[in-house]
C-alpha atoms as a PDB file:
ATOM      1  CA  MET A   1     -30.231 -40.788  -1.001  1.00  0.00           C
ATOM      2  CA  ALA A   2     -29.922 -37.438   0.323  1.00  0.00           C
ATOM      3  CA  ALA A   3     -28.071 -34.718  -1.155  1.00  0.00           C
ATOM      4  CA  PRO A   4     -24.804 -33.647   0.951  1.00  0.00           C
ATOM      5  CA  LYS A   5     -25.183 -30.439   2.500  1.00  0.00           C
ATOM      6  CA  LYS A   6     -23.036 -27.572   1.608  1.00  0.00           C
ATOM      7  CA  ASN A   7     -21.479 -25.099   3.586  1.00  0.00           C
ATOM      8  CA  ALA A   8     -23.993 -22.104   3.916  1.00  0.00           C
ATOM      9  CA  LEU A   9     -21.350 -19.358   4.883  1.00  0.00           C
ATOM     10  CA  GLY A  10     -22.200 -16.361   2.769  1.00  0.00           C
ATOM     11  CA  ARG A  11     -25.108 -17.642   1.274  1.00  0.00           C
ATOM     12  CA  GLY A  12     -28.806 -16.685   1.461  1.00  0.00           C
ATOM     13  CA  LEU A  13     -31.481 -17.465   3.929  1.00  0.00           C
ATOM     14  CA  GLY A  14     -32.693 -20.567   1.809  1.00  0.00           C
ATOM     15  CA  ALA A  15     -28.791 -22.197   2.011  1.00  0.00           C
ATOM     16  CA  LEU A  16     -28.969 -21.796   5.663  1.00  0.00           C
ATOM     17  CA  ILE A  17     -32.058 -24.139   6.416  1.00  0.00           C
ATOM     18  CA  GLN A  18     -31.651 -27.305   5.305  1.00  0.00           C
ATOM     19  CA  LEU A  19     -34.199 -29.595   3.625  1.00  0.00           C
ATOM     20  CA  ASP A  20     -34.687 -31.963   6.673  1.00  0.00           C
ATOM     21  CA  ASP A  21     -35.535 -29.248   8.917  1.00  0.00           C
ATOM     22  CA  VAL A  22     -38.068 -27.597   6.629  1.00  0.00           C
ATOM     23  CA  GLN A  23     -41.325 -29.478   4.958  1.00  0.00           C
ATOM     24  CA  THR A  24     -43.738 -27.203   2.812  1.00  0.00           C
ATOM     25  CA  GLY A  25     -46.375 -28.051   0.456  1.00  0.00           C
ATOM     26  CA  GLY A  26     -44.347 -26.065  -2.419  1.00  0.00           C
ATOM     27  CA  SER A  27     -42.537 -22.813  -2.076  1.00  0.00           C
ATOM     28  CA  SER A  28     -44.943 -21.051  -4.996  1.00  0.00           C
ATOM     29  CA  GLN A  29     -48.078 -22.388  -2.672  1.00  0.00           C
ATOM     30  CA  ILE A  30     -49.573 -18.888  -0.676  1.00  0.00           C
ATOM     31  CA  SER A  31     -52.689 -19.193   1.513  1.00  0.00           C
ATOM     32  CA  GLU A  32     -54.597 -16.123   2.668  1.00  0.00           C
ATOM     33  CA  VAL A  33     -54.598 -16.334   6.429  1.00  0.00           C
ATOM     34  CA  SER A  34     -56.494 -14.499   8.985  1.00  0.00           C
ATOM     35  CA  LEU A  35     -54.722 -11.936  11.006  1.00  0.00           C
ATOM     36  CA  SER A  36     -56.556 -12.769  13.954  1.00  0.00           C
ATOM     37  CA  ASP A  37     -55.281 -16.295  13.902  1.00  0.00           C
ATOM     38  CA  ILE A  38     -51.649 -15.500  13.647  1.00  0.00           C
ATOM     39  CA  GLU A  39     -49.292 -14.914  17.087  1.00  0.00           C
ATOM     40  CA  ALA A  40     -45.834 -13.402  16.928  1.00  0.00           C
ATOM     41  CA  ASN A  41     -42.909 -15.708  17.526  1.00  0.00           C
ATOM     42  CA  PRO A  42     -42.044 -14.938  21.321  1.00  0.00           C
ATOM     43  CA  ASN A  43     -38.434 -15.566  20.595  1.00  0.00           C
ATOM     44  CA  GLN A  44     -38.264 -13.141  17.758  1.00  0.00           C
ATOM     45  CA  PRO A  45     -35.010 -11.413  17.920  1.00  0.00           C
ATOM     46  CA  ARG A  46     -36.105  -8.249  16.853  1.00  0.00           C
ATOM     47  CA  LYS A  47     -37.696  -6.306  20.104  1.00  0.00           C
ATOM     48  CA  ASN A  48     -38.061  -2.792  18.874  1.00  0.00           C
ATOM     49  CA  PHE A  49     -40.699  -1.441  15.805  1.00  0.00           C
ATOM     50  CA  ASP A  50     -40.093   1.989  14.665  1.00  0.00           C
ATOM     51  CA  GLU A  51     -44.022   3.124  14.793  1.00  0.00           C
ATOM     52  CA  GLU A  52     -43.153   5.885  12.168  1.00  0.00           C
ATOM     53  CA  ALA A  53     -41.898   3.231  10.262  1.00  0.00           C
ATOM     54  CA  LEU A  54     -44.850   1.114  10.901  1.00  0.00           C
ATOM     55  CA  SER A  55     -47.196   3.651   9.459  1.00  0.00           C
ATOM     56  CA  GLU A  56     -45.332   4.428   6.669  1.00  0.00           C
ATOM     57  CA  LEU A  57     -45.448   0.931   5.640  1.00  0.00           C
ATOM     58  CA  ALA A  58     -49.334   0.709   6.656  1.00  0.00           C
ATOM     59  CA  ALA A  59     -49.661   3.109   4.441  1.00  0.00           C
ATOM     60  CA  SER A  60     -48.119   1.567   1.712  1.00  0.00           C
ATOM     61  CA  ILE A  61     -50.246  -1.700   2.265  1.00  0.00           C
ATOM     62  CA  LYS A  62     -53.007   0.524   2.071  1.00  0.00           C
ATOM     63  CA  GLU A  63     -52.022   1.923  -1.575  1.00  0.00           C
ATOM     64  CA  LEU A  64     -50.501  -1.269  -2.914  1.00  0.00           C
ATOM     65  CA  GLY A  65     -51.050  -4.334  -0.715  1.00  0.00           C
ATOM     66  CA  VAL A  66     -48.726  -6.679   0.925  1.00  0.00           C
ATOM     67  CA  VAL A  67     -46.486  -7.154  -2.108  1.00  0.00           C
ATOM     68  CA  GLN A  68     -44.214  -9.668  -0.066  1.00  0.00           C
ATOM     69  CA  PRO A  69     -45.918 -12.642   1.521  1.00  0.00           C
ATOM     70  CA  VAL A  70     -44.980 -13.605   5.300  1.00  0.00           C
ATOM     71  CA  THR A  71     -43.874 -16.687   6.474  1.00  0.00           C
ATOM     72  CA  LEU A  72     -45.680 -18.746   9.195  1.00  0.00           C
ATOM     73  CA  ARG A  73     -45.794 -21.954  11.034  1.00  0.00           C
ATOM     74  CA  GLU A  74     -48.718 -23.708  12.138  1.00  0.00           C
ATOM     75  CA  ILE A  75     -48.841 -24.486  15.889  1.00  0.00           C
ATOM     76  CA  ALA A  76     -52.272 -25.700  16.150  1.00  0.00           C
ATOM     77  CA  LYS A  77     -55.362 -26.424  13.938  1.00  0.00           C
ATOM     78  CA  GLY A  78     -55.823 -23.225  12.128  1.00  0.00           C
ATOM     79  CA  LYS A  79     -53.449 -21.225  14.189  1.00  0.00           C
ATOM     80  CA  TYR A  80     -50.516 -19.815  12.986  1.00  0.00           C
ATOM     81  CA  GLN A  81     -47.011 -18.307  14.510  1.00  0.00           C
ATOM     82  CA  ILE A  82     -44.819 -15.900  12.489  1.00  0.00           C
ATOM     83  CA  ILE A  83     -41.290 -17.220  11.436  1.00  0.00           C
ATOM     84  CA  SER A  84     -40.667 -13.739   9.265  1.00  0.00           C
ATOM     85  CA  GLY A  85     -42.927 -10.529   8.463  1.00  0.00           C
ATOM     86  CA  GLU A  86     -44.045  -9.507  11.924  1.00  0.00           C
ATOM     87  CA  ARG A  87     -43.578  -5.741  10.837  1.00  0.00           C
ATOM     88  CA  ARG A  88     -45.710  -6.759   7.838  1.00  0.00           C
ATOM     89  CA  CYS A  89     -48.247  -8.365  10.208  1.00  0.00           C
ATOM     90  CA  ARG A  90     -48.450  -5.000  12.624  1.00  0.00           C
ATOM     91  CA  ALA A  91     -48.959  -2.891   9.714  1.00  0.00           C
ATOM     92  CA  SER A  92     -51.568  -4.536   7.976  1.00  0.00           C
ATOM     93  CA  LYS A  93     -53.667  -4.644  11.151  1.00  0.00           C
ATOM     94  CA  MET A  94     -52.760  -0.753  10.942  1.00  0.00           C
ATOM     95  CA  ALA A  95     -54.053  -0.855   7.520  1.00  0.00           C
ATOM     96  CA  GLY A  96     -57.498  -2.585   8.507  1.00  0.00           C
ATOM     97  CA  LEU A  97     -56.811  -5.537   6.552  1.00  0.00           C
ATOM     98  CA  THR A  98     -58.220  -8.903   8.180  1.00  0.00           C
ATOM     99  CA  THR A  99     -56.223 -11.461   6.054  1.00  0.00           C
ATOM    100  CA  ILE A 100     -52.403 -11.463   4.907  1.00  0.00           C
ATOM    101  CA  PRO A 101     -50.935 -13.823   2.378  1.00  0.00           C
ATOM    102  CA  ALA A 102     -48.308 -16.306   3.819  1.00  0.00           C
ATOM    103  CA  TYR A 103     -46.136 -19.306   3.292  1.00  0.00           C
ATOM    104  CA  ILE A 104     -46.974 -22.135   5.562  1.00  0.00           C
ATOM    105  CA  LYS A 105     -43.985 -23.685   6.719  1.00  0.00           C
ATOM    106  CA  THR A 106     -43.158 -27.111   9.299  1.00  0.00           C
ATOM    107  CA  VAL A 107     -40.625 -26.311  11.050  1.00  0.00           C
ATOM    108  CA  ASN A 108     -38.849 -27.344  14.387  1.00  0.00           C
ATOM    109  CA  ASP A 109     -38.345 -24.732  17.201  1.00  0.00           C
ATOM    110  CA  GLU A 110     -34.406 -24.515  16.779  1.00  0.00           C
ATOM    111  CA  THR A 111     -34.873 -24.019  12.944  1.00  0.00           C
ATOM    112  CA  LEU A 112     -37.466 -21.355  14.007  1.00  0.00           C
ATOM    113  CA  MET A 113     -35.018 -19.239  15.841  1.00  0.00           C
ATOM    114  CA  GLU A 114     -32.227 -19.525  13.333  1.00  0.00           C
ATOM    115  CA  MET A 115     -34.997 -18.250  10.330  1.00  0.00           C
ATOM    116  CA  ALA A 116     -36.070 -15.461  12.182  1.00  0.00           C
ATOM    117  CA  LEU A 117     -32.643 -14.561  13.015  1.00  0.00           C
ATOM    118  CA  VAL A 118     -31.209 -15.052   9.897  1.00  0.00           C
ATOM    119  CA  GLU A 119     -34.148 -12.833   7.952  1.00  0.00           C
ATOM    120  CA  ASN A 120     -33.525  -9.985  10.364  1.00  0.00           C
ATOM    121  CA  ILE A 121     -29.602 -10.079   9.989  1.00  0.00           C
ATOM    122  CA  GLN A 122     -30.137  -9.988   5.793  1.00  0.00           C
ATOM    123  CA  ARG A 123     -32.466  -7.226   6.437  1.00  0.00           C
ATOM    124  CA  GLU A 124     -30.162  -5.332   8.739  1.00  0.00           C
ATOM    125  CA  ASP A 125     -33.124  -4.857  10.829  1.00  0.00           C
ATOM    126  CA  LEU A 126     -31.481  -6.023  14.255  1.00  0.00           C
ATOM    127  CA  ASN A 127     -29.120  -3.616  15.964  1.00  0.00           C
ATOM    128  CA  ALA A 128     -25.812  -5.137  17.590  1.00  0.00           C
ATOM    129  CA  ILE A 129     -27.384  -6.054  21.358  1.00  0.00           C
ATOM    130  CA  GLU A 130     -30.503  -7.903  19.428  1.00  0.00           C
ATOM    131  CA  ILE A 131     -27.992  -9.950  17.435  1.00  0.00           C
ATOM    132  CA  ALA A 132     -25.696 -10.691  20.119  1.00  0.00           C
ATOM    133  CA  LEU A 133     -28.400 -11.560  22.447  1.00  0.00           C
ATOM    134  CA  SER A 134     -29.766 -14.009  19.545  1.00  0.00           C
ATOM    135  CA  TYR A 135     -26.592 -15.836  19.373  1.00  0.00           C
ATOM    136  CA  GLN A 136     -25.917 -16.289  23.076  1.00  0.00           C
ATOM    137  CA  ARG A 137     -29.404 -17.859  23.137  1.00  0.00           C
ATOM    138  CA  LEU A 138     -28.795 -20.154  20.020  1.00  0.00           C
ATOM    139  CA  ILE A 139     -25.411 -21.105  21.697  1.00  0.00           C
ATOM    140  CA  ASP A 140     -27.357 -21.659  25.195  1.00  0.00           C
ATOM    141  CA  ASP A 141     -30.373 -23.391  24.480  1.00  0.00           C
ATOM    142  CA  TYR A 142     -28.854 -25.418  21.079  1.00  0.00           C
ATOM    143  CA  LYS A 143     -25.595 -25.972  22.374  1.00  0.00           C
ATOM    144  CA  PHE A 144     -23.855 -24.394  19.385  1.00  0.00           C
ATOM    145  CA  THR A 145     -19.977 -23.799  19.274  1.00  0.00           C
ATOM    146  CA  GLN A 146     -19.236 -20.121  17.992  1.00  0.00           C
ATOM    147  CA  GLU A 147     -18.181 -21.790  14.951  1.00  0.00           C
ATOM    148  CA  LYS A 148     -21.091 -23.928  14.364  1.00  0.00           C
ATOM    149  CA  LEU A 149     -23.066 -20.808  14.982  1.00  0.00           C
ATOM    150  CA  GLY A 150     -21.147 -18.851  12.209  1.00  0.00           C
ATOM    151  CA  GLU A 151     -21.743 -21.436   9.509  1.00  0.00           C
ATOM    152  CA  ARG A 152     -25.640 -21.683  10.451  1.00  0.00           C
ATOM    153  CA  VAL A 153     -26.044 -17.717  10.137  1.00  0.00           C
ATOM    154  CA  GLY A 154     -23.564 -17.404   7.570  1.00  0.00           C
ATOM    155  CA  LYS A 155     -20.709 -15.069   9.577  1.00  0.00           C
ATOM    156  CA  LYS A 156     -17.310 -15.767  10.203  1.00  0.00           C
ATOM    157  CA  ARG A 157     -16.554 -16.907  13.606  1.00  0.00           C
ATOM    158  CA  ALA A 158     -14.569 -13.964  14.616  1.00  0.00           C
ATOM    159  CA  THR A 159     -17.355 -11.960  13.977  1.00  0.00           C
ATOM    160  CA  VAL A 160     -19.628 -14.145  16.396  1.00  0.00           C
ATOM    161  CA  THR A 161     -17.283 -13.818  19.007  1.00  0.00           C
ATOM    162  CA  ASN A 162     -16.770 -10.026  18.360  1.00  0.00           C
ATOM    163  CA  TYR A 163     -20.950  -9.848  19.088  1.00  0.00           C
ATOM    164  CA  LEU A 164     -20.768 -11.933  22.171  1.00  0.00           C
ATOM    165  CA  ARG A 165     -18.129  -9.912  23.781  1.00  0.00           C
ATOM    166  CA  LEU A 166     -20.700  -6.904  23.716  1.00  0.00           C
ATOM    167  CA  LEU A 167     -22.951  -8.593  26.277  1.00  0.00           C
ATOM    168  CA  LYS A 168     -19.700  -8.144  28.890  1.00  0.00           C
ATOM    169  CA  LEU A 169     -20.405  -4.076  28.189  1.00  0.00           C
ATOM    170  CA  PRO A 170     -22.293  -2.622  31.358  1.00  0.00           C
ATOM    171  CA  ALA A 171     -26.317  -2.212  30.917  1.00  0.00           C
ATOM    172  CA  GLU A 172     -26.206   1.381  30.638  1.00  0.00           C
ATOM    173  CA  ILE A 173     -23.710   0.886  27.680  1.00  0.00           C
ATOM    174  CA  GLN A 174     -25.459  -1.969  26.241  1.00  0.00           C
ATOM    175  CA  LEU A 175     -28.854   0.459  26.283  1.00  0.00           C
ATOM    176  CA  GLY A 176     -26.813   3.275  24.376  1.00  0.00           C
ATOM    177  CA  LEU A 177     -25.735   1.214  21.672  1.00  0.00           C
ATOM    178  CA  LYS A 178     -29.331  -0.376  21.235  1.00  0.00           C
ATOM    179  CA  ALA A 179     -30.383   3.497  21.274  1.00  0.00           C
ATOM    180  CA  GLY A 180     -27.634   4.811  18.621  1.00  0.00           C
ATOM    181  CA  LYS A 181     -26.013   6.603  21.186  1.00  0.00           C
ATOM    182  CA  ILE A 182     -22.617   5.067  19.910  1.00  0.00           C
ATOM    183  CA  ASP A 183     -21.773   2.591  17.183  1.00  0.00           C
ATOM    184  CA  MET A 184     -20.511  -0.869  17.074  1.00  0.00           C
ATOM    185  CA  GLY A 185     -16.835   0.375  16.578  1.00  0.00           C
ATOM    186  CA  HIS A 186     -17.442   2.396  19.746  1.00  0.00           C
ATOM    187  CA  ALA A 187     -18.429  -0.834  21.530  1.00  0.00           C
ATOM    188  CA  ARG A 188     -15.808  -2.834  20.589  1.00  0.00           C
ATOM    189  CA  ALA A 189     -13.430  -0.109  21.970  1.00  0.00           C
ATOM    190  CA  LEU A 190     -15.157   0.043  25.143  1.00  0.00           C
ATOM    191  CA  VAL A 191     -15.406  -3.801  25.668  1.00  0.00           C
ATOM    192  CA  SER A 192     -11.211  -4.189  25.832  1.00  0.00           C
ATOM    193  CA  ILE A 193     -10.962  -1.924  29.045  1.00  0.00           C
ATOM    194  CA  ASP A 194     -11.094  -4.161  32.057  1.00  0.00           C
ATOM    195  CA  ASP A 195     -12.934  -1.758  34.498  1.00  0.00           C
ATOM    196  CA  PRO A 196     -16.272  -1.470  34.181  1.00  0.00           C
ATOM    197  CA  ALA A 197     -16.016   2.464  35.755  1.00  0.00           C
ATOM    198  CA  THR A 198     -13.778   3.388  33.219  1.00  0.00           C
ATOM    199  CA  MET A 199     -15.983   1.577  30.437  1.00  0.00           C
ATOM    200  CA  ILE A 200     -18.979   3.700  31.584  1.00  0.00           C
ATOM    201  CA  LYS A 201     -16.922   7.079  32.160  1.00  0.00           C
ATOM    202  CA  LEU A 202     -15.454   6.820  28.797  1.00  0.00           C
ATOM    203  CA  TYR A 203     -18.886   5.856  27.280  1.00  0.00           C
ATOM    204  CA  GLU A 204     -20.495   8.998  28.947  1.00  0.00           C
ATOM    205  CA  ALA A 205     -17.531  11.067  27.604  1.00  0.00           C
ATOM    206  CA  THR A 206     -17.949   9.744  23.797  1.00  0.00           C
ATOM    207  CA  VAL A 207     -21.902  10.435  24.147  1.00  0.00           C
ATOM    208  CA  LYS A 208     -21.158  14.251  25.376  1.00  0.00           C
ATOM    209  CA  ASN A 209     -18.273  15.243  23.314  1.00  0.00           C
ATOM    210  CA  GLY A 210     -19.167  13.034  19.762  1.00  0.00           C
ATOM    211  CA  TYR A 211     -15.571  11.209  19.940  1.00  0.00           C
ATOM    212  CA  SER A 212     -14.847   9.242  16.891  1.00  0.00           C
ATOM    213  CA  VAL A 213     -13.941   5.369  17.313  1.00  0.00           C
ATOM    214  CA  ARG A 214     -10.402   6.085  16.723  1.00  0.00           C
ATOM    215  CA  LYS A 215     -10.478   9.122  19.568  1.00  0.00           C
ATOM    216  CA  LEU A 216     -12.377   6.563  21.580  1.00  0.00           C
ATOM    217  CA  GLU A 217      -9.649   3.840  21.295  1.00  0.00           C
ATOM    218  CA  GLU A 218      -6.853   6.417  22.144  1.00  0.00           C
ATOM    219  CA  LEU A 219      -8.449   6.801  25.494  1.00  0.00           C
ATOM    220  CA  ALA A 220      -9.222   3.614  26.033  1.00  0.00           C
ATOM    221  CA  SER A 221      -5.398   2.111  25.639  1.00  0.00           C
ATOM    222  CA  GLY A 222      -4.293   5.251  27.955  1.00  0.00           C
ATOM    223  CA  ASN A 223      -2.491   6.703  24.995  1.00  0.00           C
ATOM    224  CA  GLY A 224       0.645   5.632  26.410  1.00  0.00           C
ATOM    225  CA  ASN A 225      -0.051   7.593  29.582  1.00  0.00           C
ATOM    226  CA  LYS A 226      -0.345   4.978  31.833  1.00  0.00           C
ATOM    227  CA  PRO A 227       2.002   4.692  35.096  1.00  0.00           C
ATOM    228  CA  LYS A 228       4.608   1.918  34.267  1.00  0.00           C
ATOM    229  CA  THR A 229       3.921  -0.956  36.450  1.00  0.00           C
ATOM    230  CA  SER A 230       5.459  -3.945  34.094  1.00  0.00           C
ATOM    231  CA  VAL A 231       8.948  -5.633  34.895  1.00  0.00           C
ATOM    232  CA  SER A 232      11.950  -4.668  32.702  1.00  0.00           C
ATOM    233  CA  LYS A 233      12.825  -6.376  29.172  1.00  0.00           C
ATOM    234  CA  GLU A 234      15.593  -7.860  30.902  1.00  0.00           C
ATOM    235  CA  ASP A 235      13.651  -9.430  33.685  1.00  0.00           C
ATOM    236  CA  ILE A 236      10.965 -10.684  31.426  1.00  0.00           C
ATOM    237  CA  SER A 237      13.682 -12.480  29.073  1.00  0.00           C
ATOM    238  CA  VAL A 238      13.414 -15.631  30.952  1.00  0.00           C
ATOM    239  CA  TYR A 239       9.878 -16.327  29.545  1.00  0.00           C
ATOM    240  CA  GLU A 240      11.544 -16.302  25.740  1.00  0.00           C
ATOM    241  CA  PRO A 241      11.523 -19.827  25.695  1.00  0.00           C
ATOM    242  CA  LEU A 242       7.720 -20.023  26.462  1.00  0.00           C
ATOM    243  CA  CYS A 243       7.067 -17.506  23.678  1.00  0.00           C
ATOM    244  CA  LYS A 244       8.841 -19.100  21.324  1.00  0.00           C
ATOM    245  CA  LYS A 245       6.693 -22.244  22.305  1.00  0.00           C
ATOM    246  CA  LEU A 246       3.634 -20.457  21.755  1.00  0.00           C
ATOM    247  CA  SER A 247       4.928 -18.612  18.961  1.00  0.00           C
ATOM    248  CA  SER A 248       5.320 -21.979  16.952  1.00  0.00           C
ATOM    249  CA  LEU A 249       2.042 -23.465  18.303  1.00  0.00           C
ATOM    250  CA  PHE A 250      -0.080 -20.898  17.202  1.00  0.00           C
ATOM    251  CA  LYS A 251       1.731 -19.361  14.111  1.00  0.00           C
ATOM    252  CA  SER A 252       1.326 -15.835  16.065  1.00  0.00           C
ATOM    253  CA  ASP A 253       3.202 -13.142  17.910  1.00  0.00           C
ATOM    254  CA  VAL A 254       3.213 -14.044  21.749  1.00  0.00           C
ATOM    255  CA  LYS A 255       4.093 -11.677  24.363  1.00  0.00           C
ATOM    256  CA  ILE A 256       4.274 -11.728  27.932  1.00  0.00           C
ATOM    257  CA  ASP A 257       3.496  -8.976  30.081  1.00  0.00           C
ATOM    258  CA  ARG A 258       4.107  -9.363  33.850  1.00  0.00           C
ATOM    259  CA  SER A 259       3.893  -6.552  36.527  1.00  0.00           C
ATOM    260  CA  ILE A 260       6.190  -6.031  39.505  1.00  0.00           C
ATOM    261  CA  LYS A 261       3.745  -7.895  41.762  1.00  0.00           C
ATOM    262  CA  GLY A 262       4.012 -11.320  39.808  1.00  0.00           C
ATOM    263  CA  SER A 263       0.688 -10.640  37.777  1.00  0.00           C
ATOM    264  CA  GLY A 264       0.363 -10.586  34.323  1.00  0.00           C
ATOM    265  CA  LYS A 265      -0.889 -11.988  30.988  1.00  0.00           C
ATOM    266  CA  ILE A 266      -0.190 -13.369  27.855  1.00  0.00           C
ATOM    267  CA  VAL A 267      -0.924 -12.048  24.527  1.00  0.00           C
ATOM    268  CA  LEU A 268      -1.905 -13.946  21.394  1.00  0.00           C
ATOM    269  CA  GLN A 269      -1.332 -11.319  18.439  1.00  0.00           C
ATOM    270  CA  PHE A 270      -3.382 -11.426  14.969  1.00  0.00           C
ATOM    271  CA  LYS A 271      -3.281  -9.651  12.236  1.00  0.00           C
ATOM    272  CA  ASN A 272      -6.825 -10.367  10.643  1.00  0.00           C
ATOM    273  CA  ASP A 273      -9.802 -12.308  11.062  1.00  0.00           C
ATOM    274  CA  GLU A 274      -8.506 -15.308   9.344  1.00  0.00           C
ATOM    275  CA  GLN A 275      -5.305 -15.226  11.655  1.00  0.00           C
ATOM    276  CA  LEU A 276      -7.928 -15.252  14.638  1.00  0.00           C
ATOM    277  CA  GLU A 277     -10.106 -17.843  13.477  1.00  0.00           C
ATOM    278  CA  SER A 278      -6.900 -20.072  13.071  1.00  0.00           C
ATOM    279  CA  ILE A 279      -5.959 -19.331  16.594  1.00  0.00           C
ATOM    280  CA  MET A 280      -9.296 -20.472  17.768  1.00  0.00           C
ATOM    281  CA  SER A 281      -9.430 -23.260  15.750  1.00  0.00           C
ATOM    282  CA  ILE A 282      -6.328 -24.502  17.420  1.00  0.00           C
ATOM    283  CA  LEU A 283      -7.532 -24.090  20.660  1.00  0.00           C
ATOM    284  CA  ASP A 284     -10.672 -25.909  20.199  1.00  0.00           C
ATOM    285  CA  LYS A 285      -8.209 -28.868  19.621  1.00  0.00           C
ATOM    286  CA  LEU A 286      -6.496 -28.474  22.784  1.00  0.00           C
END
């Protein structure tokens, strides 16, 4: 009888790939594979490879050889696709090698993408947008919920949500994040803004002036200087019963903000990732 699957949260790559997904002749078995018989994974999450870093790796390989074997899957007789180790393959070609040591595994397409994604995340090789796009691809192609995806890649659901929200940023800001002009903290502050034009304006100001994340958060929130357009506390009190009911349901503070024109929003407040995950879990059951 098969052993029960364990929760993979926070564990290594091996814990994330189940035995029914991967078949191999033995983890200690290494083959020498011709580089000309290896092709890249078209769904590899990492799209950009630093040429200087590749040159340094190639020099190291010339001196010491390939220290860590790559991992491949056979896609046709004698033809292979990279699961992990594309940088090592590229650098080995630059170093003049014709073969490379490799583990050969049999995996399905879904598991292949997960392995490539997790391997890169664990090495911190991907930028935030590459991670977000990979998460979205797994959700779209394999119908993962955010909770299931979090379990599979060893991340909290709130972390997955934060990355996916980055895809709402205008293309200019996404490119700036990929290029390192801003970091994840800046991006999270910008994505909280409803108006794309304001996002871009504050992004450009941040790049130009080198704003800290805290400074950008103050600017994004209006720093208390927005014109008053919401109704008074007395007028909003009619919604108190609703606030109490929602607070009881979600075990969280709830606020209602209604404009003088009648539009508004209901805000569920949370103090940490655990409380946010609890709110999400309740919403999933509704």
